[in-house]
Amino acid sequence: MNETTEAIFAYDGLDRVMHEKARLGMLTSLAAHPKGLTFGDLKQLCGLTDGNLSRHLKVLEEAKLIKIEKGYLANRPHTTVFLTKHGRQRFLDYLSVLEKVLHDAAQETDEENSSNKNLKPRPA
């Protein structure tokens, strides 16, 4: 193996902040709702508890992927979460790398299946 092909499956663009299952679901939900989602809607869409959602929101906010707006609606606390412009671009970049992973895996699987078809079955 030469130096240029050695790490072709490293996938450096798979950002650990986004790659965690709950955060991936949250980012996908927010990408599909450009006007933002309420805390309750995001919690329901992602199947998270209040505590889990809050913890993951903090991670995403610290990474500047989301913006959280807190206020009141009908005298009740109201929290809305938005994907930032920077967050949307990073998420799209992440998805591009994820698509490459899927493509590479499918290609490797197809090549393996083609190789296996050329093998003669062993007698029982």
PDB file of N, CA and C in Angstrom:
ATOM      1  N   MET A   1       0.833  -1.186   0.000  1.00  0.00           N
ATOM      2  CA  MET A   1       0.000   0.000   0.000  1.00  0.00           C
ATOM      3  C   MET A   1       0.876   1.247   0.000  1.00  0.00           C
ATOM      4  N   ASN A   2       0.512   2.199  -0.832  1.00  0.00           N
ATOM      5  CA  ASN A   2       1.310   3.424  -0.816  1.00  0.00           C
ATOM      6  C   ASN A   2       0.676   4.455   0.102  1.00  0.00           C
ATOM      7  N   GLU A   3       1.381   5.539   0.311  1.00  0.00           N
ATOM      8  CA  GLU A   3       0.965   6.551   1.284  1.00  0.00           C
ATOM      9  C   GLU A   3      -0.358   7.219   0.920  1.00  0.00           C
ATOM     10  N   THR A   4      -0.655   7.387  -0.374  1.00  0.00           N
ATOM     11  CA  THR A   4      -1.870   8.094  -0.781  1.00  0.00           C
ATOM     12  C   THR A   4      -3.131   7.269  -0.589  1.00  0.00           C
ATOM     13  N   THR A   5      -3.025   5.942  -0.571  1.00  0.00           N
ATOM     14  CA  THR A   5      -4.219   5.109  -0.407  1.00  0.00           C
ATOM     15  C   THR A   5      -4.342   4.515   0.988  1.00  0.00           C
ATOM     16  N   GLU A   6      -3.426   4.805   1.842  1.00  0.00           N
ATOM     17  CA  GLU A   6      -3.388   4.160   3.145  1.00  0.00           C
ATOM     18  C   GLU A   6      -4.616   4.451   4.018  1.00  0.00           C
ATOM     19  N   ALA A   7      -5.095   5.675   4.035  1.00  0.00           N
ATOM     20  CA  ALA A   7      -6.195   6.033   4.936  1.00  0.00           C
ATOM     21  C   ALA A   7      -7.454   6.438   4.171  1.00  0.00           C
ATOM     22  N   ILE A   8      -7.755   5.732   3.098  1.00  0.00           N
ATOM     23  CA  ILE A   8      -8.908   6.134   2.291  1.00  0.00           C
ATOM     24  C   ILE A   8     -10.235   5.945   3.024  1.00  0.00           C
ATOM     25  N   PHE A   9     -10.233   5.156   4.079  1.00  0.00           N
ATOM     26  CA  PHE A   9     -11.454   4.950   4.846  1.00  0.00           C
ATOM     27  C   PHE A   9     -11.400   5.628   6.218  1.00  0.00           C
ATOM     28  N   ALA A  10     -10.609   6.681   6.352  1.00  0.00           N
ATOM     29  CA  ALA A  10     -10.497   7.391   7.629  1.00  0.00           C
ATOM     30  C   ALA A  10     -11.715   8.263   7.900  1.00  0.00           C
ATOM     31  N   TYR A  11     -12.310   8.836   6.867  1.00  0.00           N
ATOM     32  CA  TYR A  11     -13.517   9.657   6.981  1.00  0.00           C
ATOM     33  C   TYR A  11     -13.395  10.730   8.065  1.00  0.00           C
ATOM     34  N   ASP A  12     -12.389  11.565   7.908  1.00  0.00           N
ATOM     35  CA  ASP A  12     -12.130  12.628   8.882  1.00  0.00           C
ATOM     36  C   ASP A  12     -13.306  13.586   9.050  1.00  0.00           C
ATOM     37  N   GLY A  13     -14.165  13.703   8.050  1.00  0.00           N
ATOM     38  CA  GLY A  13     -15.301  14.622   8.130  1.00  0.00           C
ATOM     39  C   GLY A  13     -16.446  14.144   9.000  1.00  0.00           C
ATOM     40  N   LEU A  14     -16.347  12.945   9.552  1.00  0.00           N
ATOM     41  CA  LEU A  14     -17.398  12.472  10.454  1.00  0.00           C
ATOM     42  C   LEU A  14     -17.150  13.060  11.838  1.00  0.00           C
ATOM     43  N   ASP A  15     -17.700  14.217  12.039  1.00  0.00           N
ATOM     44  CA  ASP A  15     -17.534  15.003  13.252  1.00  0.00           C
ATOM     45  C   ASP A  15     -18.206  14.304  14.429  1.00  0.00           C
ATOM     46  N   ARG A  16     -17.456  14.053  15.487  1.00  0.00           N
ATOM     47  CA  ARG A  16     -17.993  13.347  16.667  1.00  0.00           C
ATOM     48  C   ARG A  16     -19.164  14.088  17.311  1.00  0.00           C
ATOM     49  N   VAL A  17     -19.167  15.398  17.213  1.00  0.00           N
ATOM     50  CA  VAL A  17     -20.278  16.167  17.791  1.00  0.00           C
ATOM     51  C   VAL A  17     -21.579  15.778  17.103  1.00  0.00           C
ATOM     52  N   MET A  18     -21.537  15.602  15.791  1.00  0.00           N
ATOM     53  CA  MET A  18     -22.753  15.285  15.032  1.00  0.00           C
ATOM     54  C   MET A  18     -23.013  13.795  14.937  1.00  0.00           C
ATOM     55  N   HIS A  19     -21.983  12.987  15.082  1.00  0.00           N
ATOM     56  CA  HIS A  19     -22.094  11.566  14.809  1.00  0.00           C
ATOM     57  C   HIS A  19     -22.817  10.794  15.911  1.00  0.00           C
ATOM     58  N   GLU A  20     -22.989  11.376  17.060  1.00  0.00           N
ATOM     59  CA  GLU A  20     -23.714  10.726  18.155  1.00  0.00           C
ATOM     60  C   GLU A  20     -25.190  10.608  17.741  1.00  0.00           C
ATOM     61  N   LYS A  21     -25.784   9.458  17.974  1.00  0.00           N
ATOM     62  CA  LYS A  21     -27.134   9.140  17.496  1.00  0.00           C
ATOM     63  C   LYS A  21     -28.179  10.217  17.823  1.00  0.00           C
ATOM     64  N   ALA A  22     -28.274  10.626  19.060  1.00  0.00           N
ATOM     65  CA  ALA A  22     -29.292  11.607  19.449  1.00  0.00           C
ATOM     66  C   ALA A  22     -29.055  12.943  18.751  1.00  0.00           C
ATOM     67  N   ARG A  23     -27.794  13.381  18.715  1.00  0.00           N
ATOM     68  CA  ARG A  23     -27.497  14.670  18.081  1.00  0.00           C
ATOM     69  C   ARG A  23     -27.716  14.619  16.577  1.00  0.00           C
ATOM     70  N   LEU A  24     -27.436  13.477  15.972  1.00  0.00           N
ATOM     71  CA  LEU A  24     -27.697  13.316  14.543  1.00  0.00           C
ATOM     72  C   LEU A  24     -29.197  13.462  14.269  1.00  0.00           C
ATOM     73  N   GLY A  25     -30.006  12.856  15.096  1.00  0.00           N
ATOM     74  CA  GLY A  25     -31.455  12.990  14.967  1.00  0.00           C
ATOM     75  C   GLY A  25     -31.923  14.419  15.184  1.00  0.00           C
ATOM     76  N   MET A  26     -31.338  15.085  16.153  1.00  0.00           N
ATOM     77  CA  MET A  26     -31.709  16.471  16.432  1.00  0.00           C
ATOM     78  C   MET A  26     -31.355  17.373  15.255  1.00  0.00           C
ATOM     79  N   LEU A  27     -30.146  17.208  14.727  1.00  0.00           N
ATOM     80  CA  LEU A  27     -29.715  18.037  13.598  1.00  0.00           C
ATOM     81  C   LEU A  27     -30.558  17.766  12.358  1.00  0.00           C
ATOM     82  N   THR A  28     -30.907  16.513  12.142  1.00  0.00           N
ATOM     83  CA  THR A  28     -31.759  16.165  11.000  1.00  0.00           C
ATOM     84  C   THR A  28     -33.132  16.817  11.162  1.00  0.00           C
ATOM     85  N   SER A  29     -33.688  16.755  12.359  1.00  0.00           N
ATOM     86  CA  SER A  29     -34.987  17.385  12.625  1.00  0.00           C
ATOM     87  C   SER A  29     -34.927  18.882  12.392  1.00  0.00           C
ATOM     88  N   LEU A  30     -33.872  19.512  12.882  1.00  0.00           N
ATOM     89  CA  LEU A  30     -33.738  20.960  12.733  1.00  0.00           C
ATOM     90  C   LEU A  30     -33.484  21.351  11.276  1.00  0.00           C
ATOM     91  N   ALA A  31     -32.753  20.531  10.542  1.00  0.00           N
ATOM     92  CA  ALA A  31     -32.509  20.821   9.125  1.00  0.00           C
ATOM     93  C   ALA A  31     -33.813  20.766   8.335  1.00  0.00           C
ATOM     94  N   ALA A  32     -34.718  19.897   8.751  1.00  0.00           N
ATOM     95  CA  ALA A  32     -36.007  19.758   8.077  1.00  0.00           C
ATOM     96  C   ALA A  32     -36.998  20.842   8.488  1.00  0.00           C
ATOM     97  N   HIS A  33     -36.664  21.615   9.527  1.00  0.00           N
ATOM     98  CA  HIS A  33     -37.549  22.670  10.033  1.00  0.00           C
ATOM     99  C   HIS A  33     -36.769  23.977  10.170  1.00  0.00           C
ATOM    100  N   PRO A  34     -36.551  24.683   9.056  1.00  0.00           N
ATOM    101  CA  PRO A  34     -35.718  25.891   9.088  1.00  0.00           C
ATOM    102  C   PRO A  34     -36.258  27.009   9.997  1.00  0.00           C
ATOM    103  N   LYS A  35     -37.545  26.971  10.338  1.00  0.00           N
ATOM    104  CA  LYS A  35     -38.106  27.984  11.246  1.00  0.00           C
ATOM    105  C   LYS A  35     -37.918  27.601  12.704  1.00  0.00           C
ATOM    106  N   GLY A  36     -37.212  26.485  12.935  1.00  0.00           N
ATOM    107  CA  GLY A  36     -36.930  26.051  14.291  1.00  0.00           C
ATOM    108  C   GLY A  36     -37.978  25.109  14.838  1.00  0.00           C
ATOM    109  N   LEU A  37     -37.653  24.532  15.963  1.00  0.00           N
ATOM    110  CA  LEU A  37     -38.558  23.617  16.662  1.00  0.00           C
ATOM    111  C   LEU A  37     -38.591  23.982  18.134  1.00  0.00           C
ATOM    112  N   THR A  38     -39.732  23.787  18.742  1.00  0.00           N
ATOM    113  CA  THR A  38     -39.814  23.991  20.178  1.00  0.00           C
ATOM    114  C   THR A  38     -39.101  22.840  20.877  1.00  0.00           C
ATOM    115  N   PHE A  39     -38.740  23.072  22.111  1.00  0.00           N
ATOM    116  CA  PHE A  39     -38.090  22.051  22.927  1.00  0.00           C
ATOM    117  C   PHE A  39     -38.946  20.787  22.935  1.00  0.00           C
ATOM    118  N   GLY A  40     -40.251  20.954  23.155  1.00  0.00           N
ATOM    119  CA  GLY A  40     -41.161  19.809  23.222  1.00  0.00           C
ATOM    120  C   GLY A  40     -41.251  19.042  21.919  1.00  0.00           C
ATOM    121  N   ASP A  41     -41.307  19.771  20.799  1.00  0.00           N
ATOM    122  CA  ASP A  41     -41.377  19.104  19.494  1.00  0.00           C
ATOM    123  C   ASP A  41     -40.090  18.336  19.208  1.00  0.00           C
ATOM    124  N   LEU A  42     -38.957  18.952  19.508  1.00  0.00           N
ATOM    125  CA  LEU A  42     -37.673  18.303  19.284  1.00  0.00           C
ATOM    126  C   LEU A  42     -37.535  17.060  20.161  1.00  0.00           C
ATOM    127  N   LYS A  43     -37.982  17.179  21.393  1.00  0.00           N
ATOM    128  CA  LYS A  43     -37.956  16.054  22.335  1.00  0.00           C
ATOM    129  C   LYS A  43     -38.782  14.889  21.794  1.00  0.00           C
ATOM    130  N   GLN A  44     -39.969  15.200  21.291  1.00  0.00           N
ATOM    131  CA  GLN A  44     -40.857  14.162  20.777  1.00  0.00           C
ATOM    132  C   GLN A  44     -40.300  13.543  19.489  1.00  0.00           C
ATOM    133  N   LEU A  45     -39.830  14.361  18.561  1.00  0.00           N
ATOM    134  CA  LEU A  45     -39.304  13.859  17.287  1.00  0.00           C
ATOM    135  C   LEU A  45     -38.109  12.937  17.472  1.00  0.00           C
ATOM    136  N   CYS A  46     -37.307  13.222  18.483  1.00  0.00           N
ATOM    137  CA  CYS A  46     -36.073  12.454  18.696  1.00  0.00           C
ATOM    138  C   CYS A  46     -36.196  11.389  19.769  1.00  0.00           C
ATOM    139  N   GLY A  47     -37.326  11.346  20.452  1.00  0.00           N
ATOM    140  CA  GLY A  47     -37.539  10.325  21.474  1.00  0.00           C
ATOM    141  C   GLY A  47     -36.594  10.454  22.658  1.00  0.00           C
ATOM    142  N   LEU A  48     -36.385  11.697  23.114  1.00  0.00           N
ATOM    143  CA  LEU A  48     -35.449  11.948  24.213  1.00  0.00           C
ATOM    144  C   LEU A  48     -36.182  12.429  25.455  1.00  0.00           C
ATOM    145  N   THR A  49     -35.542  12.294  26.590  1.00  0.00           N
ATOM    146  CA  THR A  49     -36.069  12.854  27.831  1.00  0.00           C
ATOM    147  C   THR A  49     -35.652  14.321  27.909  1.00  0.00           C
ATOM    148  N   ASP A  50     -36.249  15.061  28.807  1.00  0.00           N
ATOM    149  CA  ASP A  50     -35.874  16.472  29.000  1.00  0.00           C
ATOM    150  C   ASP A  50     -34.380  16.603  29.292  1.00  0.00           C
ATOM    151  N   GLY A  51     -33.884  15.754  30.195  1.00  0.00           N
ATOM    152  CA  GLY A  51     -32.485  15.826  30.592  1.00  0.00           C
ATOM    153  C   GLY A  51     -31.532  15.500  29.451  1.00  0.00           C
ATOM    154  N   ASN A  52     -31.838  14.436  28.707  1.00  0.00           N
ATOM    155  CA  ASN A  52     -30.985  14.076  27.563  1.00  0.00           C
ATOM    156  C   ASN A  52     -30.990  15.170  26.513  1.00  0.00           C
ATOM    157  N   LEU A  53     -32.167  15.681  26.203  1.00  0.00           N
ATOM    158  CA  LEU A  53     -32.262  16.728  25.195  1.00  0.00           C
ATOM    159  C   LEU A  53     -31.474  17.960  25.629  1.00  0.00           C
ATOM    160  N   SER A  54     -31.620  18.352  26.870  1.00  0.00           N
ATOM    161  CA  SER A  54     -30.894  19.523  27.376  1.00  0.00           C
ATOM    162  C   SER A  54     -29.387  19.338  27.278  1.00  0.00           C
ATOM    163  N   ARG A  55     -28.915  18.167  27.633  1.00  0.00           N
ATOM    164  CA  ARG A  55     -27.481  17.881  27.580  1.00  0.00           C
ATOM    165  C   ARG A  55     -26.958  17.951  26.147  1.00  0.00           C
ATOM    166  N   HIS A  56     -27.680  17.352  25.215  1.00  0.00           N
ATOM    167  CA  HIS A  56     -27.251  17.363  23.813  1.00  0.00           C
ATOM    168  C   HIS A  56     -27.370  18.755  23.201  1.00  0.00           C
ATOM    169  N   LEU A  57     -28.390  19.505  23.603  1.00  0.00           N
ATOM    170  CA  LEU A  57     -28.518  20.879  23.113  1.00  0.00           C
ATOM    171  C   LEU A  57     -27.310  21.717  23.532  1.00  0.00           C
ATOM    172  N   LYS A  58     -26.853  21.499  24.753  1.00  0.00           N
ATOM    173  CA  LYS A  58     -25.695  22.243  25.245  1.00  0.00           C
ATOM    174  C   LYS A  58     -24.459  21.949  24.390  1.00  0.00           C
ATOM    175  N   VAL A  59     -24.240  20.679  24.059  1.00  0.00           N
ATOM    176  CA  VAL A  59     -23.095  20.294  23.229  1.00  0.00           C
ATOM    177  C   VAL A  59     -23.184  20.965  21.861  1.00  0.00           C
ATOM    178  N   LEU A  60     -24.369  20.913  21.250  1.00  0.00           N
ATOM    179  CA  LEU A  60     -24.552  21.509  19.925  1.00  0.00           C
ATOM    180  C   LEU A  60     -24.438  23.026  19.955  1.00  0.00           C
ATOM    181  N   GLU A  61     -24.918  23.632  21.036  1.00  0.00           N
ATOM    182  CA  GLU A  61     -24.819  25.092  21.167  1.00  0.00           C
ATOM    183  C   GLU A  61     -23.358  25.519  21.363  1.00  0.00           C
ATOM    184  N   GLU A  62     -22.613  24.776  22.163  1.00  0.00           N
ATOM    185  CA  GLU A  62     -21.191  25.093  22.373  1.00  0.00           C
ATOM    186  C   GLU A  62     -20.394  24.962  21.079  1.00  0.00           C
ATOM    187  N   ALA A  63     -20.826  24.061  20.202  1.00  0.00           N
ATOM    188  CA  ALA A  63     -20.173  23.879  18.906  1.00  0.00           C
ATOM    189  C   ALA A  63     -20.677  24.906  17.881  1.00  0.00           C
ATOM    190  N   LYS A  64     -21.593  25.771  18.309  1.00  0.00           N
ATOM    191  CA  LYS A  64     -22.172  26.817  17.461  1.00  0.00           C
ATOM    192  C   LYS A  64     -22.947  26.256  16.267  1.00  0.00           C
ATOM    193  N   LEU A  65     -23.513  25.070  16.458  1.00  0.00           N
ATOM    194  CA  LEU A  65     -24.322  24.454  15.414  1.00  0.00           C
ATOM    195  C   LEU A  65     -25.782  24.868  15.520  1.00  0.00           C
ATOM    196  N   ILE A  66     -26.210  25.213  16.732  1.00  0.00           N
ATOM    197  CA  ILE A  66     -27.601  25.613  16.957  1.00  0.00           C
ATOM    198  C   ILE A  66     -27.647  26.912  17.750  1.00  0.00           C
ATOM    199  N   LYS A  67     -28.820  27.527  17.697  1.00  0.00           N
ATOM    200  CA  LYS A  67     -29.103  28.721  18.495  1.00  0.00           C
ATOM    201  C   LYS A  67     -30.371  28.409  19.287  1.00  0.00           C
ATOM    202  N   ILE A  68     -30.367  28.763  20.555  1.00  0.00           N
ATOM    203  CA  ILE A  68     -31.517  28.516  21.417  1.00  0.00           C
ATOM    204  C   ILE A  68     -32.095  29.865  21.837  1.00  0.00           C
ATOM    205  N   GLU A  69     -33.393  30.042  21.599  1.00  0.00           N
ATOM    206  CA  GLU A  69     -34.080  31.262  22.021  1.00  0.00           C
ATOM    207  C   GLU A  69     -35.086  30.897  23.101  1.00  0.00           C
ATOM    208  N   LYS A  70     -34.971  31.598  24.227  1.00  0.00           N
ATOM    209  CA  LYS A  70     -35.879  31.349  25.347  1.00  0.00           C
ATOM    210  C   LYS A  70     -36.753  32.578  25.547  1.00  0.00           C
ATOM    211  N   GLY A  71     -37.997  32.335  25.845  1.00  0.00           N
ATOM    212  CA  GLY A  71     -38.931  33.422  26.089  1.00  0.00           C
ATOM    213  C   GLY A  71     -40.182  32.868  26.743  1.00  0.00           C
ATOM    214  N   TYR A  72     -41.246  33.630  26.582  1.00  0.00           N
ATOM    215  CA  TYR A  72     -42.528  33.223  27.156  1.00  0.00           C
ATOM    216  C   TYR A  72     -43.604  33.316  26.095  1.00  0.00           C
ATOM    217  N   LEU A  73     -44.521  32.371  26.131  1.00  0.00           N
ATOM    218  CA  LEU A  73     -45.671  32.350  25.244  1.00  0.00           C
ATOM    219  C   LEU A  73     -46.868  32.038  26.119  1.00  0.00           C
ATOM    220  N   ALA A  74     -47.811  32.974  26.172  1.00  0.00           N
ATOM    221  CA  ALA A  74     -48.993  32.831  27.040  1.00  0.00           C
ATOM    222  C   ALA A  74     -48.561  32.590  28.489  1.00  0.00           C
ATOM    223  N   ASN A  75     -47.610  33.384  28.948  1.00  0.00           N
ATOM    224  CA  ASN A  75     -47.101  33.325  30.320  1.00  0.00           C
ATOM    225  C   ASN A  75     -46.464  31.980  30.689  1.00  0.00           C
ATOM    226  N   ARG A  76     -46.053  31.228  29.704  1.00  0.00           N
ATOM    227  CA  ARG A  76     -45.375  29.954  29.956  1.00  0.00           C
ATOM    228  C   ARG A  76     -44.003  29.998  29.290  1.00  0.00           C
ATOM    229  N   PRO A  77     -43.010  29.368  29.897  1.00  0.00           N
ATOM    230  CA  PRO A  77     -41.685  29.334  29.264  1.00  0.00           C
ATOM    231  C   PRO A  77     -41.760  28.680  27.880  1.00  0.00           C
ATOM    232  N   HIS A  78     -41.047  29.272  26.943  1.00  0.00           N
ATOM    233  CA  HIS A  78     -41.071  28.779  25.563  1.00  0.00           C
ATOM    234  C   HIS A  78     -39.645  28.788  25.012  1.00  0.00           C
ATOM    235  N   THR A  79     -39.144  27.622  24.646  1.00  0.00           N
ATOM    236  CA  THR A  79     -37.791  27.493  24.106  1.00  0.00           C
ATOM    237  C   THR A  79     -37.882  27.012  22.667  1.00  0.00           C
ATOM    238  N   THR A  80     -37.214  27.743  21.776  1.00  0.00           N
ATOM    239  CA  THR A  80     -37.165  27.355  20.373  1.00  0.00           C
ATOM    240  C   THR A  80     -35.707  27.149  19.979  1.00  0.00           C
ATOM    241  N   VAL A  81     -35.460  26.104  19.210  1.00  0.00           N
ATOM    242  CA  VAL A  81     -34.110  25.745  18.790  1.00  0.00           C
ATOM    243  C   VAL A  81     -34.024  25.881  17.270  1.00  0.00           C
ATOM    244  N   PHE A  82     -32.936  26.511  16.817  1.00  0.00           N
ATOM    245  CA  PHE A  82     -32.706  26.733  15.392  1.00  0.00           C
ATOM    246  C   PHE A  82     -31.334  26.197  15.012  1.00  0.00           C
ATOM    247  N   LEU A  83     -31.221  25.709  13.798  1.00  0.00           N
ATOM    248  CA  LEU A  83     -29.926  25.367  13.222  1.00  0.00           C
ATOM    249  C   LEU A  83     -29.311  26.671  12.718  1.00  0.00           C
ATOM    250  N   THR A  84     -28.073  26.957  13.102  1.00  0.00           N
ATOM    251  CA  THR A  84     -27.415  28.177  12.638  1.00  0.00           C
ATOM    252  C   THR A  84     -26.992  27.995  11.177  1.00  0.00           C
ATOM    253  N   LYS A  85     -26.662  29.085  10.516  1.00  0.00           N
ATOM    254  CA  LYS A  85     -26.161  29.004   9.142  1.00  0.00           C
ATOM    255  C   LYS A  85     -24.889  28.153   9.107  1.00  0.00           C
ATOM    256  N   HIS A  86     -24.004  28.406  10.065  1.00  0.00           N
ATOM    257  CA  HIS A  86     -22.770  27.630  10.199  1.00  0.00           C
ATOM    258  C   HIS A  86     -23.091  26.153  10.469  1.00  0.00           C
ATOM    259  N   GLY A  87     -24.067  25.914  11.331  1.00  0.00           N
ATOM    260  CA  GLY A  87     -24.468  24.547  11.662  1.00  0.00           C
ATOM    261  C   GLY A  87     -25.043  23.820  10.465  1.00  0.00           C
ATOM    262  N   ARG A  88     -25.850  24.521   9.677  1.00  0.00           N
ATOM    263  CA  ARG A  88     -26.441  23.905   8.479  1.00  0.00           C
ATOM    264  C   ARG A  88     -25.335  23.486   7.507  1.00  0.00           C
ATOM    265  N   GLN A  89     -24.340  24.365   7.298  1.00  0.00           N
ATOM    266  CA  GLN A  89     -23.259  24.045   6.367  1.00  0.00           C
ATOM    267  C   GLN A  89     -22.415  22.880   6.880  1.00  0.00           C
ATOM    268  N   ARG A  90     -22.102  22.899   8.171  1.00  0.00           N
ATOM    269  CA  ARG A  90     -21.328  21.781   8.737  1.00  0.00           C
ATOM    270  C   ARG A  90     -22.101  20.475   8.653  1.00  0.00           C
ATOM    271  N   PHE A  91     -23.413  20.548   8.852  1.00  0.00           N
ATOM    272  CA  PHE A  91     -24.242  19.350   8.766  1.00  0.00           C
ATOM    273  C   PHE A  91     -24.272  18.827   7.329  1.00  0.00           C
ATOM    274  N   LEU A  92     -24.392  19.714   6.356  1.00  0.00           N
ATOM    275  CA  LEU A  92     -24.372  19.300   4.953  1.00  0.00           C
ATOM    276  C   LEU A  92     -23.026  18.676   4.582  1.00  0.00           C
ATOM    277  N   ASP A  93     -21.944  19.263   5.084  1.00  0.00           N
ATOM    278  CA  ASP A  93     -20.613  18.697   4.857  1.00  0.00           C
ATOM    279  C   ASP A  93     -20.507  17.305   5.469  1.00  0.00           C
ATOM    280  N   TYR A  94     -21.035  17.162   6.677  1.00  0.00           N
ATOM    281  CA  TYR A  94     -21.052  15.876   7.374  1.00  0.00           C
ATOM    282  C   TYR A  94     -21.827  14.838   6.555  1.00  0.00           C
ATOM    283  N   LEU A  95     -22.997  15.245   6.030  1.00  0.00           N
ATOM    284  CA  LEU A  95     -23.806  14.321   5.239  1.00  0.00           C
ATOM    285  C   LEU A  95     -23.081  13.881   3.967  1.00  0.00           C
ATOM    286  N   SER A  96     -22.304  14.775   3.382  1.00  0.00           N
ATOM    287  CA  SER A  96     -21.517  14.413   2.194  1.00  0.00           C
ATOM    288  C   SER A  96     -20.522  13.306   2.524  1.00  0.00           C
ATOM    289  N   VAL A  97     -19.872  13.429   3.670  1.00  0.00           N
ATOM    290  CA  VAL A  97     -18.920  12.389   4.076  1.00  0.00           C
ATOM    291  C   VAL A  97     -19.662  11.090   4.375  1.00  0.00           C
ATOM    292  N   LEU A  98     -20.807  11.197   5.019  1.00  0.00           N
ATOM    293  CA  LEU A  98     -21.603  10.010   5.324  1.00  0.00           C
ATOM    294  C   LEU A  98     -22.054   9.315   4.033  1.00  0.00           C
ATOM    295  N   GLU A  99     -22.424  10.098   3.018  1.00  0.00           N
ATOM    296  CA  GLU A  99     -22.783   9.520   1.724  1.00  0.00           C
ATOM    297  C   GLU A  99     -21.591   8.771   1.119  1.00  0.00           C
ATOM    298  N   LYS A 100     -20.391   9.320   1.291  1.00  0.00           N
ATOM    299  CA  LYS A 100     -19.185   8.651   0.781  1.00  0.00           C
ATOM    300  C   LYS A 100     -18.977   7.318   1.509  1.00  0.00           C
ATOM    301  N   VAL A 101     -19.212   7.309   2.815  1.00  0.00           N
ATOM    302  CA  VAL A 101     -19.096   6.065   3.585  1.00  0.00           C
ATOM    303  C   VAL A 101     -20.054   5.017   3.013  1.00  0.00           C
ATOM    304  N   LEU A 102     -21.301   5.421   2.787  1.00  0.00           N
ATOM    305  CA  LEU A 102     -22.298   4.486   2.262  1.00  0.00           C
ATOM    306  C   LEU A 102     -21.920   3.996   0.861  1.00  0.00           C
ATOM    307  N   HIS A 103     -21.459   4.909   0.028  1.00  0.00           N
ATOM    308  CA  HIS A 103     -21.035   4.552  -1.321  1.00  0.00           C
ATOM    309  C   HIS A 103     -19.869   3.562  -1.271  1.00  0.00           C
ATOM    310  N   ASP A 104     -18.865   3.883  -0.464  1.00  0.00           N
ATOM    311  CA  ASP A 104     -17.697   3.013  -0.356  1.00  0.00           C
ATOM    312  C   ASP A 104     -18.082   1.621   0.168  1.00  0.00           C
ATOM    313  N   ALA A 105     -18.947   1.594   1.158  1.00  0.00           N
ATOM    314  CA  ALA A 105     -19.368   0.308   1.732  1.00  0.00           C
ATOM    315  C   ALA A 105     -20.143  -0.505   0.696  1.00  0.00           C
ATOM    316  N   ALA A 106     -21.019   0.142  -0.051  1.00  0.00           N
ATOM    317  CA  ALA A 106     -21.792  -0.557  -1.072  1.00  0.00           C
ATOM    318  C   ALA A 106     -20.871  -1.075  -2.172  1.00  0.00           C
ATOM    319  N   GLN A 107     -19.917  -0.255  -2.561  1.00  0.00           N
ATOM    320  CA  GLN A 107     -18.978  -0.649  -3.607  1.00  0.00           C
ATOM    321  C   GLN A 107     -18.142  -1.843  -3.155  1.00  0.00           C
ATOM    322  N   GLU A 108     -17.638  -1.794  -1.930  1.00  0.00           N
ATOM    323  CA  GLU A 108     -16.841  -2.906  -1.406  1.00  0.00           C
ATOM    324  C   GLU A 108     -17.689  -4.177  -1.314  1.00  0.00           C
ATOM    325  N   THR A 109     -18.939  -4.030  -0.899  1.00  0.00           N
ATOM    326  CA  THR A 109     -19.838  -5.179  -0.785  1.00  0.00           C
ATOM    327  C   THR A 109     -20.140  -5.751  -2.157  1.00  0.00           C
ATOM    328  N   ASP A 110     -20.392  -4.866  -3.147  1.00  0.00           N
ATOM    329  CA  ASP A 110     -20.647  -5.330  -4.513  1.00  0.00           C
ATOM    330  C   ASP A 110     -19.446  -6.085  -5.067  1.00  0.00           C
ATOM    331  N   GLU A 111     -18.247  -5.557  -4.826  1.00  0.00           N
ATOM    332  CA  GLU A 111     -17.031  -6.221  -5.307  1.00  0.00           C
ATOM    333  C   GLU A 111     -16.860  -7.587  -4.644  1.00  0.00           C
ATOM    334  N   GLU A 112     -17.159  -7.658  -3.351  1.00  0.00           N
ATOM    335  CA  GLU A 112     -17.041  -8.934  -2.636  1.00  0.00           C
ATOM    336  C   GLU A 112     -18.055  -9.936  -3.166  1.00  0.00           C
ATOM    337  N   ASN A 113     -19.287  -9.476  -3.402  1.00  0.00           N
ATOM    338  CA  ASN A 113     -20.317 -10.372  -3.933  1.00  0.00           C
ATOM    339  C   ASN A 113     -19.946 -10.875  -5.325  1.00  0.00           C
ATOM    340  N   SER A 114     -19.368 -10.001  -6.148  1.00  0.00           N
ATOM    341  CA  SER A 114     -18.928 -10.416  -7.488  1.00  0.00           C
ATOM    342  C   SER A 114     -17.840 -11.464  -7.389  1.00  0.00           C
ATOM    343  N   SER A 115     -16.918 -11.298  -6.463  1.00  0.00           N
ATOM    344  CA  SER A 115     -15.835 -12.269  -6.272  1.00  0.00           C
ATOM    345  C   SER A 115     -16.387 -13.610  -5.821  1.00  0.00           C
ATOM    346  N   ASN A 116     -17.371 -13.560  -4.928  1.00  0.00           N
ATOM    347  CA  ASN A 116     -17.951 -14.800  -4.400  1.00  0.00           C
ATOM    348  C   ASN A 116     -18.742 -15.558  -5.457  1.00  0.00           C
ATOM    349  N   LYS A 117     -19.319 -14.855  -6.435  1.00  0.00           N
ATOM    350  CA  LYS A 117     -20.083 -15.520  -7.487  1.00  0.00           C
ATOM    351  C   LYS A 117     -19.171 -16.349  -8.384  1.00  0.00           C
ATOM    352  N   ASN A 118     -17.918 -15.941  -8.472  1.00  0.00           N
ATOM    353  CA  ASN A 118     -16.967 -16.668  -9.317  1.00  0.00           C
ATOM    354  C   ASN A 118     -16.440 -17.937  -8.642  1.00  0.00           C
ATOM    355  N   LEU A 119     -16.712 -18.101  -7.365  1.00  0.00           N
ATOM    356  CA  LEU A 119     -16.262 -19.289  -6.653  1.00  0.00           C
ATOM    357  C   LEU A 119     -17.227 -20.438  -6.908  1.00  0.00           C
ATOM    358  N   LYS A 120     -16.708 -21.626  -7.090  1.00  0.00           N
ATOM    359  CA  LYS A 120     -17.565 -22.793  -7.291  1.00  0.00           C
ATOM    360  C   LYS A 120     -18.004 -23.289  -5.918  1.00  0.00           C
ATOM    361  N   PRO A 121     -19.244 -23.690  -5.794  1.00  0.00           N
ATOM    362  CA  PRO A 121     -19.700 -24.225  -4.509  1.00  0.00           C
ATOM    363  C   PRO A 121     -18.993 -25.530  -4.187  1.00  0.00           C
ATOM    364  N   ARG A 122     -18.719 -25.727  -2.926  1.00  0.00           N
ATOM    365  CA  ARG A 122     -18.079 -26.968  -2.473  1.00  0.00           C
ATOM    366  C   ARG A 122     -19.093 -28.083  -2.425  1.00  0.00           C
ATOM    367  N   PRO A 123     -18.664 -29.286  -2.784  1.00  0.00           N
ATOM    368  CA  PRO A 123     -19.598 -30.416  -2.679  1.00  0.00           C
ATOM    369  C   PRO A 123     -19.917 -30.698  -1.217  1.00  0.00           C
ATOM    370  N   ALA A 124     -21.130 -31.117  -0.965  1.00  0.00           N
ATOM    371  CA  ALA A 124     -21.560 -31.382   0.405  1.00  0.00           C
ATOM    372  C   ALA A 124     -21.018 -32.671   0.949  1.00  0.00           C
TER     373      ALA A 124
END
